[in-house]
């Protein structure tokens, strides 16, 4: 089996509007960053994820959890 590389990985990132820009949160890697625009926040969190991946072994990369998405709706009143 070939080694897993960062090119093979996909990370889900949540963008959260803040008072002055955006937070970008990657729950899979437990990494967050921010930027004044959505694009900057995504670029910054991508760089942080790349740095994080550099320090992992192939087995650690393979063990990263796979995210699933669920939307929860709350009804008020």
N, C-alpha and C. Protein backbone atom coordinates (compact mmCIF):
# COMPACT_ATOMS: atom_id res chain seq x y z
N UNK A 1 0.85 -1.18 0.00
CA UNK A 1 0.00 0.00 0.00
C UNK A 1 0.89 1.24 0.00
N UNK A 2 0.62 2.21 -0.90
CA UNK A 2 1.46 3.41 -0.95
C UNK A 2 1.24 4.29 0.28
N UNK A 3 2.26 5.06 0.60
CA UNK A 3 2.17 5.96 1.75
C UNK A 3 1.10 7.02 1.50
N UNK A 4 0.41 7.38 2.56
CA UNK A 4 -0.60 8.43 2.48
C UNK A 4 0.11 9.77 2.53
N UNK A 5 -0.26 10.67 1.65
CA UNK A 5 0.33 12.00 1.64
C UNK A 5 -0.76 13.04 1.87
N UNK A 6 -0.34 14.26 2.14
CA UNK A 6 -1.31 15.34 2.36
C UNK A 6 -2.19 15.54 1.14
N UNK A 7 -1.70 15.20 -0.04
CA UNK A 7 -2.50 15.35 -1.25
C UNK A 7 -3.70 14.42 -1.26
N UNK A 8 -3.62 13.32 -0.51
CA UNK A 8 -4.69 12.34 -0.47
C UNK A 8 -5.77 12.69 0.55
N UNK A 9 -5.54 13.66 1.38
CA UNK A 9 -6.42 13.93 2.51
C UNK A 9 -7.37 15.08 2.24
N UNK A 10 -8.56 14.94 2.78
CA UNK A 10 -9.55 16.02 2.73
C UNK A 10 -9.96 16.32 4.15
N UNK A 11 -9.98 17.59 4.49
CA UNK A 11 -10.37 18.02 5.82
C UNK A 11 -11.57 18.95 5.71
N UNK A 12 -12.56 18.72 6.54
CA UNK A 12 -13.71 19.61 6.59
C UNK A 12 -13.37 20.79 7.49
N UNK A 13 -13.70 21.98 7.00
CA UNK A 13 -13.43 23.21 7.74
C UNK A 13 -14.73 23.98 7.88
N UNK A 14 -14.98 24.46 9.07
CA UNK A 14 -16.16 25.29 9.35
C UNK A 14 -15.71 26.73 9.41
N UNK A 15 -16.39 27.59 8.66
CA UNK A 15 -16.12 29.03 8.72
C UNK A 15 -17.18 29.70 9.58
N UNK A 16 -16.72 30.49 10.55
CA UNK A 16 -17.63 31.17 11.47
C UNK A 16 -17.38 32.67 11.36
N UNK A 17 -18.41 33.45 10.98
CA UNK A 17 -18.24 34.90 10.95
C UNK A 17 -18.01 35.44 12.37
N UNK A 18 -17.05 36.33 12.49
CA UNK A 18 -16.75 36.97 13.77
C UNK A 18 -16.93 38.48 13.59
N UNK A 19 -16.79 39.24 14.67
CA UNK A 19 -16.92 40.70 14.58
C UNK A 19 -15.95 41.30 13.57
N UNK A 20 -14.73 40.78 13.54
CA UNK A 20 -13.71 41.32 12.64
C UNK A 20 -13.09 40.20 11.81
N UNK A 21 -13.87 39.57 10.94
CA UNK A 21 -13.33 38.55 10.06
C UNK A 21 -14.02 37.21 10.25
N UNK A 22 -13.23 36.15 10.09
CA UNK A 22 -13.76 34.80 10.13
C UNK A 22 -12.82 33.89 10.90
N UNK A 23 -13.41 32.95 11.64
CA UNK A 23 -12.65 31.85 12.22
C UNK A 23 -12.82 30.65 11.30
N UNK A 24 -11.77 29.87 11.14
CA UNK A 24 -11.81 28.65 10.35
C UNK A 24 -11.42 27.51 11.28
N UNK A 25 -12.31 26.53 11.42
CA UNK A 25 -12.11 25.46 12.40
C UNK A 25 -12.11 24.11 11.70
N UNK A 26 -11.07 23.34 11.93
CA UNK A 26 -10.96 21.98 11.41
C UNK A 26 -11.06 21.03 12.61
N UNK A 27 -12.22 20.41 12.78
CA UNK A 27 -12.43 19.54 13.93
C UNK A 27 -11.64 18.24 13.82
N UNK A 28 -11.43 17.74 12.61
CA UNK A 28 -10.71 16.48 12.42
C UNK A 28 -9.30 16.57 12.99
N UNK A 29 -8.63 17.69 12.73
CA UNK A 29 -7.25 17.86 13.20
C UNK A 29 -7.17 18.72 14.46
N UNK A 30 -8.32 19.17 14.97
CA UNK A 30 -8.37 20.02 16.15
C UNK A 30 -7.50 21.26 15.97
N UNK A 31 -7.73 21.94 14.84
CA UNK A 31 -6.95 23.12 14.48
C UNK A 31 -7.90 24.25 14.13
N UNK A 32 -7.54 25.46 14.51
CA UNK A 32 -8.33 26.63 14.16
C UNK A 32 -7.39 27.75 13.77
N UNK A 33 -7.90 28.64 12.93
CA UNK A 33 -7.16 29.83 12.55
C UNK A 33 -8.19 30.91 12.23
N UNK A 34 -7.72 32.06 11.79
CA UNK A 34 -8.65 33.14 11.48
C UNK A 34 -8.08 34.02 10.38
N UNK A 35 -8.93 34.86 9.84
CA UNK A 35 -8.51 35.81 8.82
C UNK A 35 -9.54 36.90 8.68
N UNK A 36 -9.17 37.98 8.03
CA UNK A 36 -10.10 39.09 7.87
C UNK A 36 -11.14 38.81 6.79
N UNK A 37 -10.87 37.85 5.90
CA UNK A 37 -11.84 37.42 4.89
C UNK A 37 -11.98 35.90 4.94
N UNK A 38 -13.01 35.37 4.29
CA UNK A 38 -13.17 33.91 4.23
C UNK A 38 -11.95 33.27 3.57
N UNK A 39 -11.48 33.88 2.49
CA UNK A 39 -10.34 33.34 1.76
C UNK A 39 -9.08 33.30 2.62
N UNK A 40 -8.86 34.37 3.36
CA UNK A 40 -7.68 34.42 4.22
C UNK A 40 -7.78 33.39 5.35
N UNK A 41 -8.96 33.27 5.94
CA UNK A 41 -9.14 32.29 7.01
C UNK A 41 -8.91 30.86 6.49
N UNK A 42 -9.41 30.56 5.29
CA UNK A 42 -9.19 29.24 4.70
C UNK A 42 -7.72 29.01 4.38
N UNK A 43 -7.05 30.02 3.87
CA UNK A 43 -5.62 29.90 3.57
C UNK A 43 -4.81 29.66 4.85
N UNK A 44 -5.15 30.37 5.90
CA UNK A 44 -4.42 30.24 7.16
C UNK A 44 -4.65 28.86 7.80
N UNK A 45 -5.89 28.37 7.79
CA UNK A 45 -6.14 27.05 8.39
C UNK A 45 -5.54 25.95 7.52
N UNK A 46 -5.51 26.14 6.21
CA UNK A 46 -4.86 25.16 5.33
C UNK A 46 -3.38 25.06 5.65
N UNK A 47 -2.73 26.20 5.84
CA UNK A 47 -1.32 26.20 6.21
C UNK A 47 -1.10 25.51 7.55
N UNK A 48 -1.98 25.77 8.51
CA UNK A 48 -1.85 25.13 9.83
C UNK A 48 -2.03 23.62 9.73
N UNK A 49 -2.97 23.16 8.90
CA UNK A 49 -3.18 21.73 8.71
C UNK A 49 -1.96 21.09 8.06
N UNK A 50 -1.39 21.77 7.05
CA UNK A 50 -0.20 21.25 6.38
C UNK A 50 0.96 21.08 7.37
N UNK A 51 1.15 22.06 8.24
CA UNK A 51 2.22 21.97 9.24
C UNK A 51 1.94 20.83 10.22
N UNK A 52 0.70 20.66 10.59
CA UNK A 52 0.31 19.57 11.50
C UNK A 52 0.61 18.22 10.85
N UNK A 53 0.24 18.04 9.60
CA UNK A 53 0.42 16.78 8.88
C UNK A 53 1.90 16.43 8.75
N UNK A 54 2.75 17.44 8.55
CA UNK A 54 4.19 17.19 8.41
C UNK A 54 4.77 16.44 9.60
N UNK A 55 4.19 16.64 10.78
CA UNK A 55 4.72 16.00 11.98
C UNK A 55 4.13 14.63 12.28
N UNK A 56 3.24 14.13 11.42
CA UNK A 56 2.60 12.85 11.67
C UNK A 56 3.22 11.72 10.85
N UNK A 57 3.22 10.54 11.41
CA UNK A 57 3.64 9.36 10.66
C UNK A 57 2.49 8.91 9.76
N UNK A 58 2.78 8.01 8.83
CA UNK A 58 1.73 7.49 7.95
C UNK A 58 0.62 6.83 8.75
N UNK A 59 0.98 6.10 9.81
CA UNK A 59 -0.05 5.43 10.60
C UNK A 59 -0.91 6.43 11.38
N UNK A 60 -0.30 7.52 11.83
CA UNK A 60 -1.07 8.56 12.52
C UNK A 60 -2.01 9.26 11.55
N UNK A 61 -1.55 9.50 10.33
CA UNK A 61 -2.40 10.11 9.32
C UNK A 61 -3.57 9.19 9.00
N UNK A 62 -3.29 7.90 8.84
CA UNK A 62 -4.36 6.94 8.52
C UNK A 62 -5.38 6.84 9.65
N UNK A 63 -4.97 7.13 10.87
CA UNK A 63 -5.87 7.02 12.02
C UNK A 63 -6.71 8.27 12.26
N UNK A 64 -6.50 9.32 11.47
CA UNK A 64 -7.31 10.53 11.66
C UNK A 64 -8.78 10.19 11.44
N UNK A 65 -9.66 10.74 12.27
CA UNK A 65 -11.08 10.41 12.14
C UNK A 65 -11.68 11.00 10.87
N UNK A 66 -12.71 10.35 10.38
CA UNK A 66 -13.45 10.84 9.23
C UNK A 66 -14.66 11.60 9.76
N UNK A 67 -14.85 12.80 9.30
CA UNK A 67 -15.96 13.62 9.77
C UNK A 67 -17.26 13.21 9.07
N UNK A 68 -18.34 13.29 9.81
CA UNK A 68 -19.67 13.14 9.23
C UNK A 68 -20.44 14.42 9.54
N UNK A 69 -21.39 14.72 8.71
CA UNK A 69 -22.14 15.97 8.87
C UNK A 69 -23.59 15.68 9.21
N UNK A 70 -24.08 16.40 10.19
CA UNK A 70 -25.48 16.31 10.57
C UNK A 70 -25.95 17.74 10.89
N UNK A 71 -27.13 18.06 10.44
CA UNK A 71 -27.70 19.37 10.76
C UNK A 71 -28.80 19.14 11.78
N UNK A 72 -28.76 19.91 12.85
CA UNK A 72 -29.74 19.81 13.91
C UNK A 72 -30.65 21.05 13.84
N UNK A 73 -31.94 20.82 13.84
CA UNK A 73 -32.89 21.92 13.79
C UNK A 73 -33.61 22.00 15.13
N UNK A 74 -33.62 23.16 15.72
CA UNK A 74 -34.32 23.40 16.98
C UNK A 74 -35.55 24.25 16.71
N UNK A 75 -36.65 23.85 17.28
CA UNK A 75 -37.88 24.63 17.14
C UNK A 75 -38.14 25.35 18.46
N UNK A 76 -38.42 26.62 18.34
CA UNK A 76 -38.69 27.42 19.54
C UNK A 76 -40.15 27.80 19.54
N UNK A 77 -40.70 27.86 20.74
CA UNK A 77 -42.05 28.37 20.89
C UNK A 77 -43.05 27.33 20.88
